């Protein structure tokens, strides 16, 4: 995330995520 801010003109950065259950699976 920091790399995007330092190398682009980004003002807000967001990512994808992996959905997991309660136990983290």
PDBML (XML) file of the C-alpha atoms, coordinates in Angstrom:
<?xml version="1.0" encoding="UTF-8" ?>
<PDBx:datablock datablockName="MODEL"
   xmlns:PDBx="http://pdbml.pdb.org/schema/pdbx-v50.xsd"
   xmlns:xsi="http://www.w3.org/2001/XMLSchema-instance"
   xsi:schemaLocation="http://pdbml.pdb.org/schema/pdbx-v50.xsd pdbx-v50.xsd">
   <PDBx:atom_siteCategory>
      <PDBx:atom_site id="1">
         <PDBx:B_iso_or_equiv>0.00</PDBx:B_iso_or_equiv>
         <PDBx:Cartn_x>0.000</PDBx:Cartn_x>
         <PDBx:Cartn_y>0.000</PDBx:Cartn_y>
         <PDBx:Cartn_z>0.000</PDBx:Cartn_z>
         <PDBx:auth_asym_id>A</PDBx:auth_asym_id>
         <PDBx:auth_atom_id>CA</PDBx:auth_atom_id>
         <PDBx:auth_comp_id>UNK</PDBx:auth_comp_id>
         <PDBx:auth_seq_id>1</PDBx:auth_seq_id>
         <PDBx:group_PDB>ATOM</PDBx:group_PDB>
         <PDBx:label_alt_id xsi:nil="true" />
         <PDBx:label_asym_id>A</PDBx:label_asym_id>
         <PDBx:label_atom_id>CA</PDBx:label_atom_id>
         <PDBx:label_comp_id>UNK</PDBx:label_comp_id>
         <PDBx:label_entity_id>1</PDBx:label_entity_id>
         <PDBx:label_seq_id>1</PDBx:label_seq_id>
         <PDBx:occupancy>1.00</PDBx:occupancy>
         <PDBx:pdbx_PDB_model_num>1</PDBx:pdbx_PDB_model_num>
         <PDBx:type_symbol>C</PDBx:type_symbol>
      </PDBx:atom_site>
      <PDBx:atom_site id="2">
         <PDBx:B_iso_or_equiv>0.00</PDBx:B_iso_or_equiv>
         <PDBx:Cartn_x>2.780</PDBx:Cartn_x>
         <PDBx:Cartn_y>2.423</PDBx:Cartn_y>
         <PDBx:Cartn_z>0.886</PDBx:Cartn_z>
         <PDBx:auth_asym_id>A</PDBx:auth_asym_id>
         <PDBx:auth_atom_id>CA</PDBx:auth_atom_id>
         <PDBx:auth_comp_id>UNK</PDBx:auth_comp_id>
         <PDBx:auth_seq_id>2</PDBx:auth_seq_id>
         <PDBx:group_PDB>ATOM</PDBx:group_PDB>
         <PDBx:label_alt_id xsi:nil="true" />
         <PDBx:label_asym_id>A</PDBx:label_asym_id>
         <PDBx:label_atom_id>CA</PDBx:label_atom_id>
         <PDBx:label_comp_id>UNK</PDBx:label_comp_id>
         <PDBx:label_entity_id>1</PDBx:label_entity_id>
         <PDBx:label_seq_id>2</PDBx:label_seq_id>
         <PDBx:occupancy>1.00</PDBx:occupancy>
         <PDBx:pdbx_PDB_model_num>1</PDBx:pdbx_PDB_model_num>
         <PDBx:type_symbol>C</PDBx:type_symbol>
      </PDBx:atom_site>
      <PDBx:atom_site id="3">
         <PDBx:B_iso_or_equiv>0.00</PDBx:B_iso_or_equiv>
         <PDBx:Cartn_x>4.519</PDBx:Cartn_x>
         <PDBx:Cartn_y>1.582</PDBx:Cartn_y>
         <PDBx:Cartn_z>-2.378</PDBx:Cartn_z>
         <PDBx:auth_asym_id>A</PDBx:auth_asym_id>
         <PDBx:auth_atom_id>CA</PDBx:auth_atom_id>
         <PDBx:auth_comp_id>UNK</PDBx:auth_comp_id>
         <PDBx:auth_seq_id>3</PDBx:auth_seq_id>
         <PDBx:group_PDB>ATOM</PDBx:group_PDB>
         <PDBx:label_alt_id xsi:nil="true" />
         <PDBx:label_asym_id>A</PDBx:label_asym_id>
         <PDBx:label_atom_id>CA</PDBx:label_atom_id>
         <PDBx:label_comp_id>UNK</PDBx:label_comp_id>
         <PDBx:label_entity_id>1</PDBx:label_entity_id>
         <PDBx:label_seq_id>3</PDBx:label_seq_id>
         <PDBx:occupancy>1.00</PDBx:occupancy>
         <PDBx:pdbx_PDB_model_num>1</PDBx:pdbx_PDB_model_num>
         <PDBx:type_symbol>C</PDBx:type_symbol>
      </PDBx:atom_site>
      <PDBx:atom_site id="4">
         <PDBx:B_iso_or_equiv>0.00</PDBx:B_iso_or_equiv>
         <PDBx:Cartn_x>1.498</PDBx:Cartn_x>
         <PDBx:Cartn_y>2.713</PDBx:Cartn_y>
         <PDBx:Cartn_z>-4.354</PDBx:Cartn_z>
         <PDBx:auth_asym_id>A</PDBx:auth_asym_id>
         <PDBx:auth_atom_id>CA</PDBx:auth_atom_id>
         <PDBx:auth_comp_id>UNK</PDBx:auth_comp_id>
         <PDBx:auth_seq_id>4</PDBx:auth_seq_id>
         <PDBx:group_PDB>ATOM</PDBx:group_PDB>
         <PDBx:label_alt_id xsi:nil="true" />
         <PDBx:label_asym_id>A</PDBx:label_asym_id>
         <PDBx:label_atom_id>CA</PDBx:label_atom_id>
         <PDBx:label_comp_id>UNK</PDBx:label_comp_id>
         <PDBx:label_entity_id>1</PDBx:label_entity_id>
         <PDBx:label_seq_id>4</PDBx:label_seq_id>
         <PDBx:occupancy>1.00</PDBx:occupancy>
         <PDBx:pdbx_PDB_model_num>1</PDBx:pdbx_PDB_model_num>
         <PDBx:type_symbol>C</PDBx:type_symbol>
      </PDBx:atom_site>
      <PDBx:atom_site id="5">
         <PDBx:B_iso_or_equiv>0.00</PDBx:B_iso_or_equiv>
         <PDBx:Cartn_x>1.359</PDBx:Cartn_x>
         <PDBx:Cartn_y>6.032</PDBx:Cartn_y>
         <PDBx:Cartn_z>-2.496</PDBx:Cartn_z>
         <PDBx:auth_asym_id>A</PDBx:auth_asym_id>
         <PDBx:auth_atom_id>CA</PDBx:auth_atom_id>
         <PDBx:auth_comp_id>UNK</PDBx:auth_comp_id>
         <PDBx:auth_seq_id>5</PDBx:auth_seq_id>
         <PDBx:group_PDB>ATOM</PDBx:group_PDB>
         <PDBx:label_alt_id xsi:nil="true" />
         <PDBx:label_asym_id>A</PDBx:label_asym_id>
         <PDBx:label_atom_id>CA</PDBx:label_atom_id>
         <PDBx:label_comp_id>UNK</PDBx:label_comp_id>
         <PDBx:label_entity_id>1</PDBx:label_entity_id>
         <PDBx:label_seq_id>5</PDBx:label_seq_id>
         <PDBx:occupancy>1.00</PDBx:occupancy>
         <PDBx:pdbx_PDB_model_num>1</PDBx:pdbx_PDB_model_num>
         <PDBx:type_symbol>C</PDBx:type_symbol>
      </PDBx:atom_site>
      <PDBx:atom_site id="6">
         <PDBx:B_iso_or_equiv>0.00</PDBx:B_iso_or_equiv>
         <PDBx:Cartn_x>5.062</PDBx:Cartn_x>
         <PDBx:Cartn_y>6.696</PDBx:Cartn_y>
         <PDBx:Cartn_z>-3.068</PDBx:Cartn_z>
         <PDBx:auth_asym_id>A</PDBx:auth_asym_id>
         <PDBx:auth_atom_id>CA</PDBx:auth_atom_id>
         <PDBx:auth_comp_id>UNK</PDBx:auth_comp_id>
         <PDBx:auth_seq_id>6</PDBx:auth_seq_id>
         <PDBx:group_PDB>ATOM</PDBx:group_PDB>
         <PDBx:label_alt_id xsi:nil="true" />
         <PDBx:label_asym_id>A</PDBx:label_asym_id>
         <PDBx:label_atom_id>CA</PDBx:label_atom_id>
         <PDBx:label_comp_id>UNK</PDBx:label_comp_id>
         <PDBx:label_entity_id>1</PDBx:label_entity_id>
         <PDBx:label_seq_id>6</PDBx:label_seq_id>
         <PDBx:occupancy>1.00</PDBx:occupancy>
         <PDBx:pdbx_PDB_model_num>1</PDBx:pdbx_PDB_model_num>
         <PDBx:type_symbol>C</PDBx:type_symbol>
      </PDBx:atom_site>
      <PDBx:atom_site id="7">
         <PDBx:B_iso_or_equiv>0.00</PDBx:B_iso_or_equiv>
         <PDBx:Cartn_x>5.146</PDBx:Cartn_x>
         <PDBx:Cartn_y>5.766</PDBx:Cartn_y>
         <PDBx:Cartn_z>-6.752</PDBx:Cartn_z>
         <PDBx:auth_asym_id>A</PDBx:auth_asym_id>
         <PDBx:auth_atom_id>CA</PDBx:auth_atom_id>
         <PDBx:auth_comp_id>UNK</PDBx:auth_comp_id>
         <PDBx:auth_seq_id>7</PDBx:auth_seq_id>
         <PDBx:group_PDB>ATOM</PDBx:group_PDB>
         <PDBx:label_alt_id xsi:nil="true" />
         <PDBx:label_asym_id>A</PDBx:label_asym_id>
         <PDBx:label_atom_id>CA</PDBx:label_atom_id>
         <PDBx:label_comp_id>UNK</PDBx:label_comp_id>
         <PDBx:label_entity_id>1</PDBx:label_entity_id>
         <PDBx:label_seq_id>7</PDBx:label_seq_id>
         <PDBx:occupancy>1.00</PDBx:occupancy>
         <PDBx:pdbx_PDB_model_num>1</PDBx:pdbx_PDB_model_num>
         <PDBx:type_symbol>C</PDBx:type_symbol>
      </PDBx:atom_site>
      <PDBx:atom_site id="8">
         <PDBx:B_iso_or_equiv>0.00</PDBx:B_iso_or_equiv>
         <PDBx:Cartn_x>1.790</PDBx:Cartn_x>
         <PDBx:Cartn_y>7.085</PDBx:Cartn_y>
         <PDBx:Cartn_z>-8.006</PDBx:Cartn_z>
         <PDBx:auth_asym_id>A</PDBx:auth_asym_id>
         <PDBx:auth_atom_id>CA</PDBx:auth_atom_id>
         <PDBx:auth_comp_id>UNK</PDBx:auth_comp_id>
         <PDBx:auth_seq_id>8</PDBx:auth_seq_id>
         <PDBx:group_PDB>ATOM</PDBx:group_PDB>
         <PDBx:label_alt_id xsi:nil="true" />
         <PDBx:label_asym_id>A</PDBx:label_asym_id>
         <PDBx:label_atom_id>CA</PDBx:label_atom_id>
         <PDBx:label_comp_id>UNK</PDBx:label_comp_id>
         <PDBx:label_entity_id>1</PDBx:label_entity_id>
         <PDBx:label_seq_id>8</PDBx:label_seq_id>
         <PDBx:occupancy>1.00</PDBx:occupancy>
         <PDBx:pdbx_PDB_model_num>1</PDBx:pdbx_PDB_model_num>
         <PDBx:type_symbol>C</PDBx:type_symbol>
      </PDBx:atom_site>
      <PDBx:atom_site id="9">
         <PDBx:B_iso_or_equiv>0.00</PDBx:B_iso_or_equiv>
         <PDBx:Cartn_x>-0.511</PDBx:Cartn_x>
         <PDBx:Cartn_y>10.050</PDBx:Cartn_y>
         <PDBx:Cartn_z>-7.490</PDBx:Cartn_z>
         <PDBx:auth_asym_id>A</PDBx:auth_asym_id>
         <PDBx:auth_atom_id>CA</PDBx:auth_atom_id>
         <PDBx:auth_comp_id>UNK</PDBx:auth_comp_id>
         <PDBx:auth_seq_id>9</PDBx:auth_seq_id>
         <PDBx:group_PDB>ATOM</PDBx:group_PDB>
         <PDBx:label_alt_id xsi:nil="true" />
         <PDBx:label_asym_id>A</PDBx:label_asym_id>
         <PDBx:label_atom_id>CA</PDBx:label_atom_id>
         <PDBx:label_comp_id>UNK</PDBx:label_comp_id>
         <PDBx:label_entity_id>1</PDBx:label_entity_id>
         <PDBx:label_seq_id>9</PDBx:label_seq_id>
         <PDBx:occupancy>1.00</PDBx:occupancy>
         <PDBx:pdbx_PDB_model_num>1</PDBx:pdbx_PDB_model_num>
         <PDBx:type_symbol>C</PDBx:type_symbol>
      </PDBx:atom_site>
      <PDBx:atom_site id="10">
         <PDBx:B_iso_or_equiv>0.00</PDBx:B_iso_or_equiv>
         <PDBx:Cartn_x>-2.956</PDBx:Cartn_x>
         <PDBx:Cartn_y>7.888</PDBx:Cartn_y>
         <PDBx:Cartn_z>-5.539</PDBx:Cartn_z>
         <PDBx:auth_asym_id>A</PDBx:auth_asym_id>
         <PDBx:auth_atom_id>CA</PDBx:auth_atom_id>
         <PDBx:auth_comp_id>UNK</PDBx:auth_comp_id>
         <PDBx:auth_seq_id>10</PDBx:auth_seq_id>
         <PDBx:group_PDB>ATOM</PDBx:group_PDB>
         <PDBx:label_alt_id xsi:nil="true" />
         <PDBx:label_asym_id>A</PDBx:label_asym_id>
         <PDBx:label_atom_id>CA</PDBx:label_atom_id>
         <PDBx:label_comp_id>UNK</PDBx:label_comp_id>
         <PDBx:label_entity_id>1</PDBx:label_entity_id>
         <PDBx:label_seq_id>10</PDBx:label_seq_id>
         <PDBx:occupancy>1.00</PDBx:occupancy>
         <PDBx:pdbx_PDB_model_num>1</PDBx:pdbx_PDB_model_num>
         <PDBx:type_symbol>C</PDBx:type_symbol>
      </PDBx:atom_site>
      <PDBx:atom_site id="11">
         <PDBx:B_iso_or_equiv>0.00</PDBx:B_iso_or_equiv>
         <PDBx:Cartn_x>-4.982</PDBx:Cartn_x>
         <PDBx:Cartn_y>9.577</PDBx:Cartn_y>
         <PDBx:Cartn_z>-2.790</PDBx:Cartn_z>
         <PDBx:auth_asym_id>A</PDBx:auth_asym_id>
         <PDBx:auth_atom_id>CA</PDBx:auth_atom_id>
         <PDBx:auth_comp_id>UNK</PDBx:auth_comp_id>
         <PDBx:auth_seq_id>11</PDBx:auth_seq_id>
         <PDBx:group_PDB>ATOM</PDBx:group_PDB>
         <PDBx:label_alt_id xsi:nil="true" />
         <PDBx:label_asym_id>A</PDBx:label_asym_id>
         <PDBx:label_atom_id>CA</PDBx:label_atom_id>
         <PDBx:label_comp_id>UNK</PDBx:label_comp_id>
         <PDBx:label_entity_id>1</PDBx:label_entity_id>
         <PDBx:label_seq_id>11</PDBx:label_seq_id>
         <PDBx:occupancy>1.00</PDBx:occupancy>
         <PDBx:pdbx_PDB_model_num>1</PDBx:pdbx_PDB_model_num>
         <PDBx:type_symbol>C</PDBx:type_symbol>
      </PDBx:atom_site>
      <PDBx:atom_site id="12">
         <PDBx:B_iso_or_equiv>0.00</PDBx:B_iso_or_equiv>
         <PDBx:Cartn_x>-6.898</PDBx:Cartn_x>
         <PDBx:Cartn_y>6.501</PDBx:Cartn_y>
         <PDBx:Cartn_z>-1.648</PDBx:Cartn_z>
         <PDBx:auth_asym_id>A</PDBx:auth_asym_id>
         <PDBx:auth_atom_id>CA</PDBx:auth_atom_id>
         <PDBx:auth_comp_id>UNK</PDBx:auth_comp_id>
         <PDBx:auth_seq_id>12</PDBx:auth_seq_id>
         <PDBx:group_PDB>ATOM</PDBx:group_PDB>
         <PDBx:label_alt_id xsi:nil="true" />
         <PDBx:label_asym_id>A</PDBx:label_asym_id>
         <PDBx:label_atom_id>CA</PDBx:label_atom_id>
         <PDBx:label_comp_id>UNK</PDBx:label_comp_id>
         <PDBx:label_entity_id>1</PDBx:label_entity_id>
         <PDBx:label_seq_id>12</PDBx:label_seq_id>
         <PDBx:occupancy>1.00</PDBx:occupancy>
         <PDBx:pdbx_PDB_model_num>1</PDBx:pdbx_PDB_model_num>
         <PDBx:type_symbol>C</PDBx:type_symbol>
      </PDBx:atom_site>
      <PDBx:atom_site id="13">
         <PDBx:B_iso_or_equiv>0.00</PDBx:B_iso_or_equiv>
         <PDBx:Cartn_x>-5.679</PDBx:Cartn_x>
         <PDBx:Cartn_y>2.918</PDBx:Cartn_y>
         <PDBx:Cartn_z>-2.036</PDBx:Cartn_z>
         <PDBx:auth_asym_id>A</PDBx:auth_asym_id>
         <PDBx:auth_atom_id>CA</PDBx:auth_atom_id>
         <PDBx:auth_comp_id>UNK</PDBx:auth_comp_id>
         <PDBx:auth_seq_id>13</PDBx:auth_seq_id>
         <PDBx:group_PDB>ATOM</PDBx:group_PDB>
         <PDBx:label_alt_id xsi:nil="true" />
         <PDBx:label_asym_id>A</PDBx:label_asym_id>
         <PDBx:label_atom_id>CA</PDBx:label_atom_id>
         <PDBx:label_comp_id>UNK</PDBx:label_comp_id>
         <PDBx:label_entity_id>1</PDBx:label_entity_id>
         <PDBx:label_seq_id>13</PDBx:label_seq_id>
         <PDBx:occupancy>1.00</PDBx:occupancy>
         <PDBx:pdbx_PDB_model_num>1</PDBx:pdbx_PDB_model_num>
         <PDBx:type_symbol>C</PDBx:type_symbol>
      </PDBx:atom_site>
      <PDBx:atom_site id="14">
         <PDBx:B_iso_or_equiv>0.00</PDBx:B_iso_or_equiv>
         <PDBx:Cartn_x>-7.714</PDBx:Cartn_x>
         <PDBx:Cartn_y>-0.219</PDBx:Cartn_y>
         <PDBx:Cartn_z>-1.411</PDBx:Cartn_z>
         <PDBx:auth_asym_id>A</PDBx:auth_asym_id>
         <PDBx:auth_atom_id>CA</PDBx:auth_atom_id>
         <PDBx:auth_comp_id>UNK</PDBx:auth_comp_id>
         <PDBx:auth_seq_id>14</PDBx:auth_seq_id>
         <PDBx:group_PDB>ATOM</PDBx:group_PDB>
         <PDBx:label_alt_id xsi:nil="true" />
         <PDBx:label_asym_id>A</PDBx:label_asym_id>
         <PDBx:label_atom_id>CA</PDBx:label_atom_id>
         <PDBx:label_comp_id>UNK</PDBx:label_comp_id>
         <PDBx:label_entity_id>1</PDBx:label_entity_id>
         <PDBx:label_seq_id>14</PDBx:label_seq_id>
         <PDBx:occupancy>1.00</PDBx:occupancy>
         <PDBx:pdbx_PDB_model_num>1</PDBx:pdbx_PDB_model_num>
         <PDBx:type_symbol>C</PDBx:type_symbol>
      </PDBx:atom_site>
      <PDBx:atom_site id="15">
         <PDBx:B_iso_or_equiv>0.00</PDBx:B_iso_or_equiv>
         <PDBx:Cartn_x>-7.192</PDBx:Cartn_x>
         <PDBx:Cartn_y>-3.931</PDBx:Cartn_y>
         <PDBx:Cartn_z>-1.949</PDBx:Cartn_z>
         <PDBx:auth_asym_id>A</PDBx:auth_asym_id>
         <PDBx:auth_atom_id>CA</PDBx:auth_atom_id>
         <PDBx:auth_comp_id>UNK</PDBx:auth_comp_id>
         <PDBx:auth_seq_id>15</PDBx:auth_seq_id>
         <PDBx:group_PDB>ATOM</PDBx:group_PDB>
         <PDBx:label_alt_id xsi:nil="true" />
         <PDBx:label_asym_id>A</PDBx:label_asym_id>
         <PDBx:label_atom_id>CA</PDBx:label_atom_id>
         <PDBx:label_comp_id>UNK</PDBx:label_comp_id>
         <PDBx:label_entity_id>1</PDBx:label_entity_id>
         <PDBx:label_seq_id>15</PDBx:label_seq_id>
         <PDBx:occupancy>1.00</PDBx:occupancy>
         <PDBx:pdbx_PDB_model_num>1</PDBx:pdbx_PDB_model_num>
         <PDBx:type_symbol>C</PDBx:type_symbol>
      </PDBx:atom_site>
      <PDBx:atom_site id="16">
         <PDBx:B_iso_or_equiv>0.00</PDBx:B_iso_or_equiv>
         <PDBx:Cartn_x>-9.058</PDBx:Cartn_x>
         <PDBx:Cartn_y>-7.131</PDBx:Cartn_y>
         <PDBx:Cartn_z>-2.587</PDBx:Cartn_z>
         <PDBx:auth_asym_id>A</PDBx:auth_asym_id>
         <PDBx:auth_atom_id>CA</PDBx:auth_atom_id>
         <PDBx:auth_comp_id>UNK</PDBx:auth_comp_id>
         <PDBx:auth_seq_id>16</PDBx:auth_seq_id>
         <PDBx:group_PDB>ATOM</PDBx:group_PDB>
         <PDBx:label_alt_id xsi:nil="true" />
         <PDBx:label_asym_id>A</PDBx:label_asym_id>
         <PDBx:label_atom_id>CA</PDBx:label_atom_id>
         <PDBx:label_comp_id>UNK</PDBx:label_comp_id>
         <PDBx:label_entity_id>1</PDBx:label_entity_id>
         <PDBx:label_seq_id>16</PDBx:label_seq_id>
         <PDBx:occupancy>1.00</PDBx:occupancy>
         <PDBx:pdbx_PDB_model_num>1</PDBx:pdbx_PDB_model_num>
         <PDBx:type_symbol>C</PDBx:type_symbol>
      </PDBx:atom_site>
      <PDBx:atom_site id="17">
         <PDBx:B_iso_or_equiv>0.00</PDBx:B_iso_or_equiv>
         <PDBx:Cartn_x>-9.544</PDBx:Cartn_x>
         <PDBx:Cartn_y>-9.626</PDBx:Cartn_y>
         <PDBx:Cartn_z>0.221</PDBx:Cartn_z>
         <PDBx:auth_asym_id>A</PDBx:auth_asym_id>
         <PDBx:auth_atom_id>CA</PDBx:auth_atom_id>
         <PDBx:auth_comp_id>UNK</PDBx:auth_comp_id>
         <PDBx:auth_seq_id>17</PDBx:auth_seq_id>
         <PDBx:group_PDB>ATOM</PDBx:group_PDB>
         <PDBx:label_alt_id xsi:nil="true" />
         <PDBx:label_asym_id>A</PDBx:label_asym_id>
         <PDBx:label_atom_id>CA</PDBx:label_atom_id>
         <PDBx:label_comp_id>UNK</PDBx:label_comp_id>
         <PDBx:label_entity_id>1</PDBx:label_entity_id>
         <PDBx:label_seq_id>17</PDBx:label_seq_id>
         <PDBx:occupancy>1.00</PDBx:occupancy>
         <PDBx:pdbx_PDB_model_num>1</PDBx:pdbx_PDB_model_num>
         <PDBx:type_symbol>C</PDBx:type_symbol>
      </PDBx:atom_site>
      <PDBx:atom_site id="18">
         <PDBx:B_iso_or_equiv>0.00</PDBx:B_iso_or_equiv>
         <PDBx:Cartn_x>-9.979</PDBx:Cartn_x>
         <PDBx:Cartn_y>-13.359</PDBx:Cartn_y>
         <PDBx:Cartn_z>0.711</PDBx:Cartn_z>
         <PDBx:auth_asym_id>A</PDBx:auth_asym_id>
         <PDBx:auth_atom_id>CA</PDBx:auth_atom_id>
         <PDBx:auth_comp_id>UNK</PDBx:auth_comp_id>
         <PDBx:auth_seq_id>18</PDBx:auth_seq_id>
         <PDBx:group_PDB>ATOM</PDBx:group_PDB>
         <PDBx:label_alt_id xsi:nil="true" />
         <PDBx:label_asym_id>A</PDBx:label_asym_id>
         <PDBx:label_atom_id>CA</PDBx:label_atom_id>
         <PDBx:label_comp_id>UNK</PDBx:label_comp_id>
         <PDBx:label_entity_id>1</PDBx:label_entity_id>
         <PDBx:label_seq_id>18</PDBx:label_seq_id>
         <PDBx:occupancy>1.00</PDBx:occupancy>
         <PDBx:pdbx_PDB_model_num>1</PDBx:pdbx_PDB_model_num>
         <PDBx:type_symbol>C</PDBx:type_symbol>
      </PDBx:atom_site>
      <PDBx:atom_site id="19">
         <PDBx:B_iso_or_equiv>0.00</PDBx:B_iso_or_equiv>
         <PDBx:Cartn_x>-13.215</PDBx:Cartn_x>
         <PDBx:Cartn_y>-14.304</PDBx:Cartn_y>
         <PDBx:Cartn_z>2.448</PDBx:Cartn_z>
         <PDBx:auth_asym_id>A</PDBx:auth_asym_id>
         <PDBx:auth_atom_id>CA</PDBx:auth_atom_id>
         <PDBx:auth_comp_id>UNK</PDBx:auth_comp_id>
         <PDBx:auth_seq_id>19</PDBx:auth_seq_id>
         <PDBx:group_PDB>ATOM</PDBx:group_PDB>
         <PDBx:label_alt_id xsi:nil="true" />
         <PDBx:label_asym_id>A</PDBx:label_asym_id>
         <PDBx:label_atom_id>CA</PDBx:label_atom_id>
         <PDBx:label_comp_id>UNK</PDBx:label_comp_id>
         <PDBx:label_entity_id>1</PDBx:label_entity_id>
         <PDBx:label_seq_id>19</PDBx:label_seq_id>
         <PDBx:occupancy>1.00</PDBx:occupancy>
         <PDBx:pdbx_PDB_model_num>1</PDBx:pdbx_PDB_model_num>
         <PDBx:type_symbol>C</PDBx:type_symbol>
      </PDBx:atom_site>
      <PDBx:atom_site id="20">
         <PDBx:B_iso_or_equiv>0.00</PDBx:B_iso_or_equiv>
         <PDBx:Cartn_x>-12.666</PDBx:Cartn_x>
         <PDBx:Cartn_y>-16.756</PDBx:Cartn_y>
         <PDBx:Cartn_z>5.307</PDBx:Cartn_z>
         <PDBx:auth_asym_id>A</PDBx:auth_asym_id>
         <PDBx:auth_atom_id>CA</PDBx:auth_atom_id>
         <PDBx:auth_comp_id>UNK</PDBx:auth_comp_id>
         <PDBx:auth_seq_id>20</PDBx:auth_seq_id>
         <PDBx:group_PDB>ATOM</PDBx:group_PDB>
         <PDBx:label_alt_id xsi:nil="true" />
         <PDBx:label_asym_id>A</PDBx:label_asym_id>
         <PDBx:label_atom_id>CA</PDBx:label_atom_id>
         <PDBx:label_comp_id>UNK</PDBx:label_comp_id>
         <PDBx:label_entity_id>1</PDBx:label_entity_id>
         <PDBx:label_seq_id>20</PDBx:label_seq_id>
         <PDBx:occupancy>1.00</PDBx:occupancy>
         <PDBx:pdbx_PDB_model_num>1</PDBx:pdbx_PDB_model_num>
         <PDBx:type_symbol>C</PDBx:type_symbol>
      </PDBx:atom_site>
      <PDBx:atom_site id="21">
         <PDBx:B_iso_or_equiv>0.00</PDBx:B_iso_or_equiv>
         <PDBx:Cartn_x>-14.943</PDBx:Cartn_x>
         <PDBx:Cartn_y>-18.381</PDBx:Cartn_y>
         <PDBx:Cartn_z>7.856</PDBx:Cartn_z>
         <PDBx:auth_asym_id>A</PDBx:auth_asym_id>
         <PDBx:auth_atom_id>CA</PDBx:auth_atom_id>
         <PDBx:auth_comp_id>UNK</PDBx:auth_comp_id>
         <PDBx:auth_seq_id>21</PDBx:auth_seq_id>
         <PDBx:group_PDB>ATOM</PDBx:group_PDB>
         <PDBx:label_alt_id xsi:nil="true" />
         <PDBx:label_asym_id>A</PDBx:label_asym_id>
         <PDBx:label_atom_id>CA</PDBx:label_atom_id>
         <PDBx:label_comp_id>UNK</PDBx:label_comp_id>
         <PDBx:label_entity_id>1</PDBx:label_entity_id>
         <PDBx:label_seq_id>21</PDBx:label_seq_id>
         <PDBx:occupancy>1.00</PDBx:occupancy>
         <PDBx:pdbx_PDB_model_num>1</PDBx:pdbx_PDB_model_num>
         <PDBx:type_symbol>C</PDBx:type_symbol>
      </PDBx:atom_site>
      <PDBx:atom_site id="22">
         <PDBx:B_iso_or_equiv>0.00</PDBx:B_iso_or_equiv>
         <PDBx:Cartn_x>-14.833</PDBx:Cartn_x>
         <PDBx:Cartn_y>-17.973</PDBx:Cartn_y>
         <PDBx:Cartn_z>11.625</PDBx:Cartn_z>
         <PDBx:auth_asym_id>A</PDBx:auth_asym_id>
         <PDBx:auth_atom_id>CA</PDBx:auth_atom_id>
         <PDBx:auth_comp_id>UNK</PDBx:auth_comp_id>
         <PDBx:auth_seq_id>22</PDBx:auth_seq_id>
         <PDBx:group_PDB>ATOM</PDBx:group_PDB>
         <PDBx:label_alt_id xsi:nil="true" />
         <PDBx:label_asym_id>A</PDBx:label_asym_id>
         <PDBx:label_atom_id>CA</PDBx:label_atom_id>
         <PDBx:label_comp_id>UNK</PDBx:label_comp_id>
         <PDBx:label_entity_id>1</PDBx:label_entity_id>
         <PDBx:label_seq_id>22</PDBx:label_seq_id>
         <PDBx:occupancy>1.00</PDBx:occupancy>
         <PDBx:pdbx_PDB_model_num>1</PDBx:pdbx_PDB_model_num>
         <PDBx:type_symbol>C</PDBx:type_symbol>
      </PDBx:atom_site>
      <PDBx:atom_site id="23">
         <PDBx:B_iso_or_equiv>0.00</PDBx:B_iso_or_equiv>
         <PDBx:Cartn_x>-11.865</PDBx:Cartn_x>
         <PDBx:Cartn_y>-20.316</PDBx:Cartn_y>
         <PDBx:Cartn_z>11.940</PDBx:Cartn_z>
         <PDBx:auth_asym_id>A</PDBx:auth_asym_id>
         <PDBx:auth_atom_id>CA</PDBx:auth_atom_id>
         <PDBx:auth_comp_id>UNK</PDBx:auth_comp_id>
         <PDBx:auth_seq_id>23</PDBx:auth_seq_id>
         <PDBx:group_PDB>ATOM</PDBx:group_PDB>
         <PDBx:label_alt_id xsi:nil="true" />
         <PDBx:label_asym_id>A</PDBx:label_asym_id>
         <PDBx:label_atom_id>CA</PDBx:label_atom_id>
         <PDBx:label_comp_id>UNK</PDBx:label_comp_id>
         <PDBx:label_entity_id>1</PDBx:label_entity_id>
         <PDBx:label_seq_id>23</PDBx:label_seq_id>
         <PDBx:occupancy>1.00</PDBx:occupancy>
         <PDBx:pdbx_PDB_model_num>1</PDBx:pdbx_PDB_model_num>
         <PDBx:type_symbol>C</PDBx:type_symbol>
      </PDBx:atom_site>
      <PDBx:atom_site id="24">
         <PDBx:B_iso_or_equiv>0.00</PDBx:B_iso_or_equiv>
         <PDBx:Cartn_x>-9.944</PDBx:Cartn_x>
         <PDBx:Cartn_y>-18.539</PDBx:Cartn_y>
         <PDBx:Cartn_z>9.199</PDBx:Cartn_z>
         <PDBx:auth_asym_id>A</PDBx:auth_asym_id>
         <PDBx:auth_atom_id>CA</PDBx:auth_atom_id>
         <PDBx:auth_comp_id>UNK</PDBx:auth_comp_id>
         <PDBx:auth_seq_id>24</PDBx:auth_seq_id>
         <PDBx:group_PDB>ATOM</PDBx:group_PDB>
         <PDBx:label_alt_id xsi:nil="true" />
         <PDBx:label_asym_id>A</PDBx:label_asym_id>
         <PDBx:label_atom_id>CA</PDBx:label_atom_id>
         <PDBx:label_comp_id>UNK</PDBx:label_comp_id>
         <PDBx:label_entity_id>1</PDBx:label_entity_id>
         <PDBx:label_seq_id>24</PDBx:label_seq_id>
         <PDBx:occupancy>1.00</PDBx:occupancy>
         <PDBx:pdbx_PDB_model_num>1</PDBx:pdbx_PDB_model_num>
         <PDBx:type_symbol>C</PDBx:type_symbol>
      </PDBx:atom_site>
      <PDBx:atom_site id="25">
         <PDBx:B_iso_or_equiv>0.00</PDBx:B_iso_or_equiv>
         <PDBx:Cartn_x>-10.513</PDBx:Cartn_x>
         <PDBx:Cartn_y>-21.184</PDBx:Cartn_y>
         <PDBx:Cartn_z>6.528</PDBx:Cartn_z>
         <PDBx:auth_asym_id>A</PDBx:auth_asym_id>
         <PDBx:auth_atom_id>CA</PDBx:auth_atom_id>
         <PDBx:auth_comp_id>UNK</PDBx:auth_comp_id>
         <PDBx:auth_seq_id>25</PDBx:auth_seq_id>
         <PDBx:group_PDB>ATOM</PDBx:group_PDB>
         <PDBx:label_alt_id xsi:nil="true" />
         <PDBx:label_asym_id>A</PDBx:label_asym_id>
         <PDBx:label_atom_id>CA</PDBx:label_atom_id>
         <PDBx:label_comp_id>UNK</PDBx:label_comp_id>
         <PDBx:label_entity_id>1</PDBx:label_entity_id>
         <PDBx:label_seq_id>25</PDBx:label_seq_id>
         <PDBx:occupancy>1.00</PDBx:occupancy>
         <PDBx:pdbx_PDB_model_num>1</PDBx:pdbx_PDB_model_num>
         <PDBx:type_symbol>C</PDBx:type_symbol>
      </PDBx:atom_site>
   </PDBx:atom_siteCategory>
</PDBx:datablock>
